N, C-alpha and C. Protein backbone atom coordinates (compact mmCIF):
# COMPACT_ATOMS: atom_id res chain seq x y z
N MET A 1 -85.73 -39.82 -154.21
CA MET A 1 -84.37 -39.42 -154.55
C MET A 1 -83.54 -40.66 -154.90
N THR A 2 -82.80 -40.58 -155.97
CA THR A 2 -81.97 -41.73 -156.33
C THR A 2 -80.62 -41.59 -155.63
N THR A 3 -80.10 -42.73 -155.22
CA THR A 3 -78.79 -42.69 -154.58
C THR A 3 -77.73 -42.68 -155.67
N LYS A 4 -76.61 -42.07 -155.33
CA LYS A 4 -75.52 -41.99 -156.29
C LYS A 4 -74.94 -43.38 -156.53
N LYS A 5 -74.55 -43.62 -157.75
CA LYS A 5 -73.87 -44.87 -158.09
C LYS A 5 -72.45 -44.81 -157.52
N THR A 6 -71.95 -45.95 -157.08
CA THR A 6 -70.62 -46.03 -156.50
C THR A 6 -69.66 -46.72 -157.47
N ILE A 7 -68.52 -46.08 -157.67
CA ILE A 7 -67.52 -46.62 -158.58
C ILE A 7 -66.25 -46.93 -157.80
N LEU A 8 -65.80 -48.17 -157.92
CA LEU A 8 -64.55 -48.60 -157.30
C LEU A 8 -63.40 -48.22 -158.22
N LEU A 9 -62.42 -47.50 -157.68
CA LEU A 9 -61.23 -47.11 -158.44
C LEU A 9 -60.03 -47.80 -157.82
N VAL A 10 -59.27 -48.53 -158.64
CA VAL A 10 -58.11 -49.26 -158.13
C VAL A 10 -56.89 -48.93 -158.98
N ASP A 11 -55.88 -48.34 -158.34
CA ASP A 11 -54.64 -48.01 -159.05
C ASP A 11 -53.53 -47.84 -158.01
N ASP A 12 -52.34 -48.34 -158.32
CA ASP A 12 -51.24 -48.21 -157.37
C ASP A 12 -50.50 -46.88 -157.51
N ASP A 13 -50.88 -46.09 -158.51
CA ASP A 13 -50.29 -44.75 -158.69
C ASP A 13 -51.22 -43.76 -157.98
N GLN A 14 -50.80 -43.30 -156.79
CA GLN A 14 -51.67 -42.44 -155.98
C GLN A 14 -52.09 -41.17 -156.72
N ASP A 15 -51.17 -40.55 -157.43
CA ASP A 15 -51.50 -39.32 -158.15
C ASP A 15 -52.61 -39.58 -159.16
N TYR A 16 -52.44 -40.65 -159.94
CA TYR A 16 -53.44 -40.99 -160.95
C TYR A 16 -54.78 -41.32 -160.27
N LEU A 17 -54.71 -42.08 -159.17
CA LEU A 17 -55.92 -42.49 -158.46
C LEU A 17 -56.71 -41.27 -157.99
N TYR A 18 -56.03 -40.28 -157.44
CA TYR A 18 -56.75 -39.11 -156.92
C TYR A 18 -57.24 -38.19 -158.05
N GLN A 19 -56.52 -38.15 -159.15
CA GLN A 19 -57.02 -37.40 -160.33
C GLN A 19 -58.29 -38.07 -160.85
N LEU A 20 -58.25 -39.39 -160.95
CA LEU A 20 -59.39 -40.15 -161.44
C LEU A 20 -60.58 -39.97 -160.48
N LYS A 21 -60.31 -40.02 -159.18
CA LYS A 21 -61.36 -39.82 -158.17
C LYS A 21 -62.06 -38.48 -158.38
N SER A 22 -61.29 -37.40 -158.55
CA SER A 22 -61.93 -36.09 -158.70
C SER A 22 -62.71 -36.01 -160.01
N ARG A 23 -62.21 -36.63 -161.07
CA ARG A 23 -62.95 -36.63 -162.34
C ARG A 23 -64.26 -37.39 -162.21
N VAL A 24 -64.20 -38.59 -161.65
CA VAL A 24 -65.39 -39.43 -161.53
C VAL A 24 -66.42 -38.78 -160.59
N GLU A 25 -65.95 -38.18 -159.51
CA GLU A 25 -66.88 -37.49 -158.60
C GLU A 25 -67.48 -36.26 -159.26
N SER A 26 -66.73 -35.61 -160.14
CA SER A 26 -67.28 -34.45 -160.85
C SER A 26 -68.40 -34.86 -161.80
N PHE A 27 -68.45 -36.15 -162.18
CA PHE A 27 -69.55 -36.67 -163.01
C PHE A 27 -70.78 -36.98 -162.16
N GLY A 28 -70.65 -36.87 -160.83
CA GLY A 28 -71.79 -37.12 -159.95
C GLY A 28 -71.84 -38.50 -159.31
N PHE A 29 -70.71 -39.21 -159.33
CA PHE A 29 -70.67 -40.54 -158.73
C PHE A 29 -69.92 -40.51 -157.41
N GLN A 30 -70.23 -41.48 -156.54
CA GLN A 30 -69.43 -41.69 -155.34
C GLN A 30 -68.27 -42.59 -155.73
N THR A 31 -67.16 -42.50 -154.99
CA THR A 31 -66.04 -43.38 -155.29
C THR A 31 -65.56 -44.08 -154.03
N ILE A 32 -65.03 -45.27 -154.23
CA ILE A 32 -64.26 -45.94 -153.18
C ILE A 32 -62.93 -46.29 -153.82
N LEU A 33 -61.87 -46.14 -153.04
CA LEU A 33 -60.52 -46.27 -153.60
C LEU A 33 -59.76 -47.43 -153.00
N ALA A 34 -58.93 -48.03 -153.83
CA ALA A 34 -57.99 -49.05 -153.36
C ALA A 34 -56.68 -48.83 -154.12
N GLU A 35 -55.57 -49.03 -153.43
CA GLU A 35 -54.27 -48.79 -154.05
C GLU A 35 -53.55 -50.07 -154.43
N SER A 36 -54.26 -51.22 -154.33
CA SER A 36 -53.64 -52.49 -154.71
C SER A 36 -54.73 -53.51 -154.99
N GLN A 37 -54.34 -54.57 -155.65
CA GLN A 37 -55.27 -55.68 -155.89
C GLN A 37 -55.76 -56.24 -154.56
N LYS A 38 -54.83 -56.42 -153.63
CA LYS A 38 -55.17 -56.98 -152.30
C LYS A 38 -56.18 -56.09 -151.58
N GLU A 39 -55.93 -54.79 -151.56
CA GLU A 39 -56.84 -53.86 -150.89
C GLU A 39 -58.22 -53.89 -151.55
N ALA A 40 -58.25 -53.96 -152.87
CA ALA A 40 -59.52 -54.01 -153.60
C ALA A 40 -60.28 -55.29 -153.26
N GLU A 41 -59.57 -56.42 -153.19
CA GLU A 41 -60.23 -57.68 -152.85
C GLU A 41 -60.86 -57.61 -151.47
N GLU A 42 -60.17 -56.96 -150.52
CA GLU A 42 -60.72 -56.81 -149.17
C GLU A 42 -61.97 -55.92 -149.20
N LEU A 43 -61.94 -54.85 -149.96
CA LEU A 43 -63.11 -53.97 -150.09
C LEU A 43 -64.30 -54.72 -150.68
N LEU A 44 -64.02 -55.57 -151.67
CA LEU A 44 -65.10 -56.29 -152.35
C LEU A 44 -65.78 -57.32 -151.45
N GLU A 45 -65.12 -57.69 -150.36
CA GLU A 45 -65.76 -58.59 -149.39
C GLU A 45 -66.92 -57.89 -148.69
N LYS A 46 -66.82 -56.56 -148.55
CA LYS A 46 -67.81 -55.79 -147.79
C LYS A 46 -68.70 -54.91 -148.66
N THR A 47 -68.27 -54.66 -149.89
CA THR A 47 -68.91 -53.65 -150.72
C THR A 47 -69.15 -54.18 -152.13
N LYS A 48 -70.30 -53.81 -152.68
CA LYS A 48 -70.55 -54.14 -154.08
C LYS A 48 -70.69 -52.81 -154.84
N PRO A 49 -69.67 -52.46 -155.63
CA PRO A 49 -69.77 -51.20 -156.39
C PRO A 49 -70.71 -51.38 -157.58
N ASP A 50 -71.12 -50.27 -158.17
CA ASP A 50 -71.96 -50.32 -159.38
C ASP A 50 -71.11 -50.51 -160.63
N LEU A 51 -69.82 -50.11 -160.51
CA LEU A 51 -68.88 -50.21 -161.63
C LEU A 51 -67.49 -50.15 -161.04
N ALA A 52 -66.50 -50.68 -161.74
CA ALA A 52 -65.11 -50.60 -161.27
C ALA A 52 -64.20 -50.16 -162.41
N ILE A 53 -63.21 -49.34 -162.04
CA ILE A 53 -62.16 -48.95 -162.99
C ILE A 53 -60.86 -49.43 -162.37
N LEU A 54 -60.22 -50.38 -163.04
CA LEU A 54 -59.04 -51.04 -162.50
C LEU A 54 -57.80 -50.73 -163.33
N ASP A 55 -56.69 -50.53 -162.65
CA ASP A 55 -55.40 -50.46 -163.32
C ASP A 55 -55.02 -51.90 -163.68
N LEU A 56 -54.25 -52.07 -164.73
CA LEU A 56 -53.83 -53.41 -165.11
C LEU A 56 -52.61 -53.86 -164.31
N MET A 57 -51.55 -53.05 -164.34
CA MET A 57 -50.31 -53.45 -163.69
C MET A 57 -50.19 -52.78 -162.32
N MET A 58 -50.30 -53.60 -161.26
CA MET A 58 -50.14 -53.09 -159.89
C MET A 58 -49.06 -53.92 -159.22
N GLU A 59 -49.42 -54.72 -158.18
CA GLU A 59 -48.39 -55.55 -157.54
C GLU A 59 -47.70 -56.44 -158.59
N ASN A 60 -48.50 -56.96 -159.50
CA ASN A 60 -47.99 -57.82 -160.56
C ASN A 60 -48.44 -57.26 -161.91
N GLU A 61 -47.83 -57.72 -162.97
CA GLU A 61 -48.19 -57.21 -164.30
C GLU A 61 -49.62 -57.54 -164.68
N ASP A 62 -50.19 -58.58 -164.05
CA ASP A 62 -51.55 -58.99 -164.40
C ASP A 62 -52.53 -58.79 -163.25
N SER A 63 -52.19 -57.95 -162.27
CA SER A 63 -53.08 -57.73 -161.12
C SER A 63 -54.49 -57.33 -161.54
N GLY A 64 -54.59 -56.45 -162.52
CA GLY A 64 -55.90 -55.99 -162.98
C GLY A 64 -56.74 -57.12 -163.55
N PHE A 65 -56.09 -58.01 -164.31
CA PHE A 65 -56.82 -59.15 -164.88
C PHE A 65 -57.31 -60.09 -163.78
N ILE A 66 -56.43 -60.35 -162.80
CA ILE A 66 -56.79 -61.26 -161.71
C ILE A 66 -57.93 -60.67 -160.89
N LEU A 67 -57.82 -59.39 -160.56
CA LEU A 67 -58.87 -58.72 -159.80
C LEU A 67 -60.19 -58.73 -160.58
N CYS A 68 -60.10 -58.46 -161.85
CA CYS A 68 -61.27 -58.45 -162.73
C CYS A 68 -61.94 -59.83 -162.71
N TYR A 69 -61.15 -60.89 -162.84
CA TYR A 69 -61.66 -62.25 -162.85
C TYR A 69 -62.37 -62.56 -161.52
N LYS A 70 -61.72 -62.22 -160.40
CA LYS A 70 -62.31 -62.49 -159.08
C LYS A 70 -63.59 -61.68 -158.88
N MET A 71 -63.56 -60.45 -159.34
CA MET A 71 -64.72 -59.58 -159.16
C MET A 71 -65.91 -60.09 -159.99
N LYS A 72 -65.66 -60.52 -161.22
CA LYS A 72 -66.74 -61.04 -162.07
C LYS A 72 -67.31 -62.34 -161.52
N LYS A 73 -66.48 -63.12 -160.82
CA LYS A 73 -66.98 -64.34 -160.19
C LYS A 73 -67.95 -63.99 -159.07
N LYS A 74 -67.61 -62.96 -158.30
CA LYS A 74 -68.42 -62.55 -157.15
C LYS A 74 -69.63 -61.72 -157.59
N TYR A 75 -69.41 -60.78 -158.49
CA TYR A 75 -70.47 -59.87 -158.97
C TYR A 75 -70.48 -59.84 -160.50
N PRO A 76 -71.01 -60.88 -161.14
CA PRO A 76 -70.93 -60.96 -162.61
C PRO A 76 -71.59 -59.81 -163.34
N GLU A 77 -72.56 -59.15 -162.69
CA GLU A 77 -73.30 -58.08 -163.38
C GLU A 77 -72.61 -56.72 -163.28
N VAL A 78 -71.55 -56.59 -162.48
CA VAL A 78 -70.88 -55.29 -162.31
C VAL A 78 -69.92 -55.05 -163.47
N PRO A 79 -70.13 -53.96 -164.22
CA PRO A 79 -69.23 -53.67 -165.33
C PRO A 79 -67.84 -53.23 -164.85
N ILE A 80 -66.83 -53.62 -165.62
CA ILE A 80 -65.45 -53.31 -165.26
C ILE A 80 -64.74 -52.67 -166.44
N ILE A 81 -64.06 -51.56 -166.15
CA ILE A 81 -63.20 -50.90 -167.13
C ILE A 81 -61.77 -51.13 -166.67
N ILE A 82 -60.91 -51.59 -167.56
CA ILE A 82 -59.49 -51.63 -167.23
C ILE A 82 -58.85 -50.42 -167.90
N ALA A 83 -58.27 -49.57 -167.06
CA ALA A 83 -57.57 -48.37 -167.53
C ALA A 83 -56.09 -48.67 -167.44
N THR A 84 -55.40 -48.58 -168.55
CA THR A 84 -54.02 -49.02 -168.54
C THR A 84 -53.13 -48.18 -169.45
N GLY A 85 -51.89 -48.13 -169.08
CA GLY A 85 -50.88 -47.53 -169.94
C GLY A 85 -50.02 -48.63 -170.54
N VAL A 86 -50.52 -49.86 -170.50
CA VAL A 86 -49.70 -51.01 -170.90
C VAL A 86 -49.26 -50.93 -172.36
N ALA A 87 -50.11 -50.44 -173.25
CA ALA A 87 -49.72 -50.35 -174.66
C ALA A 87 -48.53 -49.39 -174.81
N ALA A 88 -48.60 -48.27 -174.11
CA ALA A 88 -47.52 -47.30 -174.18
C ALA A 88 -46.25 -47.86 -173.52
N GLU A 89 -46.41 -48.61 -172.45
CA GLU A 89 -45.26 -49.12 -171.71
C GLU A 89 -44.64 -50.36 -172.33
N THR A 90 -45.47 -51.23 -172.92
CA THR A 90 -44.95 -52.53 -173.37
C THR A 90 -45.19 -52.81 -174.85
N GLY A 91 -46.06 -52.03 -175.48
CA GLY A 91 -46.40 -52.31 -176.86
C GLY A 91 -47.50 -53.36 -176.99
N LEU A 92 -47.91 -53.95 -175.86
CA LEU A 92 -48.99 -54.95 -175.89
C LEU A 92 -50.33 -54.24 -176.02
N SER A 93 -51.24 -54.85 -176.74
CA SER A 93 -52.60 -54.31 -176.75
C SER A 93 -53.56 -55.49 -176.69
N PHE A 94 -54.75 -55.21 -176.21
CA PHE A 94 -55.74 -56.26 -176.01
C PHE A 94 -57.00 -55.88 -176.76
N ASP A 95 -57.48 -56.80 -177.55
CA ASP A 95 -58.68 -56.55 -178.35
C ASP A 95 -59.82 -57.36 -177.75
N LEU A 96 -60.78 -56.66 -177.16
CA LEU A 96 -61.90 -57.39 -176.54
C LEU A 96 -62.89 -57.91 -177.58
N ASN A 97 -62.67 -57.58 -178.84
CA ASN A 97 -63.51 -58.16 -179.89
C ASN A 97 -62.97 -59.51 -180.34
N ASP A 98 -61.76 -59.84 -179.90
CA ASP A 98 -61.14 -61.11 -180.23
C ASP A 98 -61.69 -62.19 -179.30
N GLU A 99 -62.24 -63.25 -179.87
CA GLU A 99 -62.91 -64.30 -179.10
C GLU A 99 -61.98 -64.93 -178.06
N ASN A 100 -60.72 -65.18 -178.41
CA ASN A 100 -59.78 -65.78 -177.47
C ASN A 100 -59.54 -64.87 -176.27
N ASN A 101 -59.38 -63.58 -176.53
CA ASN A 101 -59.18 -62.63 -175.43
C ASN A 101 -60.41 -62.55 -174.54
N ARG A 102 -61.61 -62.60 -175.12
CA ARG A 102 -62.86 -62.49 -174.34
C ARG A 102 -62.96 -63.64 -173.33
N LYS A 103 -62.38 -64.79 -173.66
CA LYS A 103 -62.48 -65.94 -172.76
C LYS A 103 -61.76 -65.70 -171.45
N TRP A 104 -60.63 -65.01 -171.49
CA TRP A 104 -59.86 -64.84 -170.26
C TRP A 104 -59.82 -63.41 -169.74
N ILE A 105 -60.13 -62.43 -170.56
CA ILE A 105 -60.19 -61.05 -170.08
C ILE A 105 -61.65 -60.77 -169.76
N LYS A 106 -61.94 -60.60 -168.50
CA LYS A 106 -63.33 -60.45 -168.07
C LYS A 106 -63.80 -59.00 -168.04
N ALA A 107 -62.93 -58.07 -168.44
CA ALA A 107 -63.32 -56.65 -168.42
C ALA A 107 -64.37 -56.38 -169.49
N ASP A 108 -65.17 -55.35 -169.25
CA ASP A 108 -66.17 -54.94 -170.23
C ASP A 108 -65.56 -54.02 -171.28
N THR A 109 -64.54 -53.27 -170.89
CA THR A 109 -63.87 -52.40 -171.85
C THR A 109 -62.48 -52.04 -171.36
N PHE A 110 -61.63 -51.65 -172.30
CA PHE A 110 -60.28 -51.17 -172.01
C PHE A 110 -60.19 -49.72 -172.38
N LEU A 111 -59.54 -48.93 -171.55
CA LEU A 111 -59.26 -47.54 -171.89
C LEU A 111 -57.78 -47.29 -171.67
N GLU A 112 -57.15 -46.60 -172.60
CA GLU A 112 -55.76 -46.21 -172.42
C GLU A 112 -55.70 -45.07 -171.43
N LYS A 113 -54.75 -45.11 -170.50
CA LYS A 113 -54.60 -44.00 -169.56
C LYS A 113 -54.32 -42.72 -170.33
N GLY A 114 -54.77 -41.62 -169.76
CA GLY A 114 -54.67 -40.34 -170.46
C GLY A 114 -55.98 -40.05 -171.18
N ILE A 115 -56.99 -40.85 -170.89
CA ILE A 115 -58.29 -40.70 -171.53
C ILE A 115 -58.92 -39.35 -171.20
N ARG A 116 -59.57 -38.76 -172.18
CA ARG A 116 -60.26 -37.48 -171.97
C ARG A 116 -61.50 -37.70 -171.09
N SER A 117 -61.82 -36.69 -170.30
CA SER A 117 -62.95 -36.78 -169.37
C SER A 117 -64.25 -37.13 -170.07
N GLU A 118 -64.51 -36.51 -171.23
CA GLU A 118 -65.79 -36.76 -171.94
C GLU A 118 -65.89 -38.23 -172.33
N LYS A 119 -64.79 -38.80 -172.80
CA LYS A 119 -64.79 -40.21 -173.22
C LYS A 119 -64.99 -41.12 -172.00
N LEU A 120 -64.34 -40.78 -170.90
CA LEU A 120 -64.49 -41.56 -169.68
C LEU A 120 -65.95 -41.54 -169.22
N LYS A 121 -66.54 -40.37 -169.18
CA LYS A 121 -67.94 -40.24 -168.75
C LYS A 121 -68.86 -41.02 -169.69
N GLN A 122 -68.60 -40.92 -170.98
CA GLN A 122 -69.40 -41.64 -171.98
C GLN A 122 -69.34 -43.15 -171.74
N GLU A 123 -68.14 -43.69 -171.46
CA GLU A 123 -67.99 -45.13 -171.22
C GLU A 123 -68.70 -45.55 -169.94
N ILE A 124 -68.55 -44.75 -168.88
CA ILE A 124 -69.22 -45.06 -167.60
C ILE A 124 -70.73 -45.05 -167.79
N ASP A 125 -71.26 -44.00 -168.43
CA ASP A 125 -72.71 -43.91 -168.66
C ASP A 125 -73.21 -45.08 -169.48
N LYS A 126 -72.44 -45.45 -170.50
CA LYS A 126 -72.85 -46.57 -171.36
C LYS A 126 -72.90 -47.88 -170.56
N LEU A 127 -71.88 -48.13 -169.77
CA LEU A 127 -71.85 -49.38 -168.99
C LEU A 127 -72.90 -49.41 -167.88
N LEU A 128 -73.21 -48.25 -167.31
CA LEU A 128 -74.24 -48.19 -166.26
C LEU A 128 -75.63 -47.97 -166.84
N LYS A 129 -75.69 -47.87 -168.16
CA LYS A 129 -76.95 -47.66 -168.88
C LYS A 129 -77.66 -46.40 -168.40
N ILE A 130 -76.88 -45.33 -168.22
CA ILE A 130 -77.43 -44.04 -167.83
C ILE A 130 -77.85 -43.30 -169.10
N ASN A 131 -79.04 -42.77 -169.09
CA ASN A 131 -79.60 -42.07 -170.28
C ASN A 131 -79.63 -42.97 -171.50
N ALA A 132 -79.75 -44.27 -171.27
CA ALA A 132 -79.74 -45.19 -172.42
C ALA A 132 -81.10 -45.23 -173.07
């Protein structure tokens, strides 16, 4: 029997976090939750998830980037999705195909919040190489 993959979900918006939790669990994954960058860092001391979905703006506007950087230092092989509403909120967008951005943004992919379940599942499966 294969064990379920564990996905770390980090978001300071509790409603969004619990919606995301139920969606990800409906795909057949286990979840661990954190409501802040600090809480996530503490979890990562004890736990190595198979994948992480991080909010960008939490305690600070760049909490997601900082957490992503620290997580990649500790677990370089763990894929990270940054889920953000930053483009809608600030007009900023990040292109991971841009070489300069790749140097400092350690995420594997960006998803705009409000993502459809099918697209979310597709991205998770692709990053975890499920049915690849």
